Amino acid sequence: MVLTITILFSLFYLYQINKMTFALCQSREIPDEKQPKIYRTVNILITILILSLYVEVFFNV
């Protein structure tokens, strides 16, 4: 049950973060060559955050 909720939350959260990253790239007029690096960095950091959240919740439940 915890895994299912975490996966659904993670997908929604990653979608929202990517939407905000896109808006940032558009508003700051970041060149197309640099955008993949920004997306990769943000997605890796958010994935680490989500995994640490899952581990914390899993061991506390």
C-alpha atoms as a PDB file:
ATOM      1  CA  MET A   1       0.000   0.000   0.000  1.00  0.00           C
ATOM      2  CA  VAL A   2       2.781   2.426   0.924  1.00  0.00           C
ATOM      3  CA  LEU A   3       4.625   1.609  -2.300  1.00  0.00           C
ATOM      4  CA  THR A   4       1.551   2.319  -4.438  1.00  0.00           C
ATOM      5  CA  ILE A   5       0.919   5.680  -2.806  1.00  0.00           C
ATOM      6  CA  THR A   6       4.580   6.613  -3.086  1.00  0.00           C
ATOM      7  CA  ILE A   7       4.689   5.732  -6.793  1.00  0.00           C
ATOM      8  CA  LEU A   8       1.549   7.759  -7.545  1.00  0.00           C
ATOM      9  CA  PHE A   9       2.868  10.711  -5.547  1.00  0.00           C
ATOM     10  CA  SER A  10       6.248  10.428  -7.278  1.00  0.00           C
ATOM     11  CA  LEU A  11       4.782  10.473 -10.770  1.00  0.00           C
ATOM     12  CA  PHE A  12       2.635  13.494  -9.981  1.00  0.00           C
ATOM     13  CA  TYR A  13       5.529  15.283  -8.285  1.00  0.00           C
ATOM     14  CA  LEU A  14       7.969  14.618 -11.161  1.00  0.00           C
ATOM     15  CA  TYR A  15       5.387  15.861 -13.657  1.00  0.00           C
ATOM     16  CA  GLN A  16       4.878  19.102 -11.705  1.00  0.00           C
ATOM     17  CA  ILE A  17       8.616  19.674 -11.267  1.00  0.00           C
ATOM     18  CA  ASN A  18       9.231  19.140 -14.987  1.00  0.00           C
ATOM     19  CA  LYS A  19       6.424  21.567 -15.778  1.00  0.00           C
ATOM     20  CA  MET A  20       8.038  24.178 -13.525  1.00  0.00           C
ATOM     21  CA  THR A  21      11.460  23.493 -15.057  1.00  0.00           C
ATOM     22  CA  PHE A  22       9.987  24.055 -18.519  1.00  0.00           C
ATOM     23  CA  ALA A  23       8.473  27.346 -17.362  1.00  0.00           C
ATOM     24  CA  LEU A  24      11.847  28.376 -15.907  1.00  0.00           C
ATOM     25  CA  CYS A  25      13.639  27.565 -19.162  1.00  0.00           C
ATOM     26  CA  GLN A  26      11.077  29.565 -21.122  1.00  0.00           C
ATOM     27  CA  SER A  27      11.078  32.597 -18.832  1.00  0.00           C
ATOM     28  CA  ARG A  28      14.885  32.779 -18.567  1.00  0.00           C
ATOM     29  CA  GLU A  29      15.271  32.056 -22.297  1.00  0.00           C
ATOM     30  CA  ILE A  30      17.806  29.302 -21.652  1.00  0.00           C
ATOM     31  CA  PRO A  31      19.321  28.009 -24.912  1.00  0.00           C
ATOM     32  CA  ASP A  32      18.106  24.652 -26.234  1.00  0.00           C
ATOM     33  CA  GLU A  33      21.602  23.184 -25.891  1.00  0.00           C
ATOM     34  CA  LYS A  34      21.614  23.660 -22.097  1.00  0.00           C
ATOM     35  CA  GLN A  35      18.056  22.516 -21.381  1.00  0.00           C
ATOM     36  CA  PRO A  36      18.725  18.727 -21.389  1.00  0.00           C
ATOM     37  CA  LYS A  37      21.445  19.199 -18.761  1.00  0.00           C
ATOM     38  CA  ILE A  38      19.073  21.221 -16.581  1.00  0.00           C
ATOM     39  CA  TYR A  39      16.290  18.626 -16.903  1.00  0.00           C
ATOM     40  CA  ARG A  40      18.698  15.782 -16.143  1.00  0.00           C
ATOM     41  CA  THR A  41      20.063  17.498 -13.045  1.00  0.00           C
ATOM     42  CA  VAL A  42      16.622  18.388 -11.706  1.00  0.00           C
ATOM     43  CA  ASN A  43      15.218  14.910 -12.364  1.00  0.00           C
ATOM     44  CA  ILE A  44      18.165  13.160 -10.693  1.00  0.00           C
ATOM     45  CA  LEU A  45      17.911  15.367  -7.618  1.00  0.00           C
ATOM     46  CA  ILE A  46      14.140  14.921  -7.361  1.00  0.00           C
ATOM     47  CA  THR A  47      14.498  11.147  -7.784  1.00  0.00           C
ATOM     48  CA  ILE A  48      17.014  11.064  -4.913  1.00  0.00           C
ATOM     49  CA  LEU A  49      14.593  13.098  -2.815  1.00  0.00           C
ATOM     50  CA  ILE A  50      11.706  10.730  -3.597  1.00  0.00           C
ATOM     51  CA  LEU A  51      13.785   7.634  -2.850  1.00  0.00           C
ATOM     52  CA  SER A  52      14.885   9.043   0.481  1.00  0.00           C
ATOM     53  CA  LEU A  53      11.259   9.851   1.292  1.00  0.00           C
ATOM     54  CA  TYR A  54      10.238   6.284   0.469  1.00  0.00           C
ATOM     55  CA  VAL A  55      13.016   4.810   2.610  1.00  0.00           C
ATOM     56  CA  GLU A  56      12.095   7.066   5.518  1.00  0.00           C
ATOM     57  CA  VAL A  57       8.390   6.229   5.294  1.00  0.00           C
ATOM     58  CA  PHE A  58       9.025   2.522   4.747  1.00  0.00           C
ATOM     59  CA  PHE A  59      11.209   2.171   7.839  1.00  0.00           C
ATOM     60  CA  ASN A  60       8.908   4.261  10.035  1.00  0.00           C
ATOM     61  CA  VAL A  61       5.696   2.427   9.169  1.00  0.00           C
END
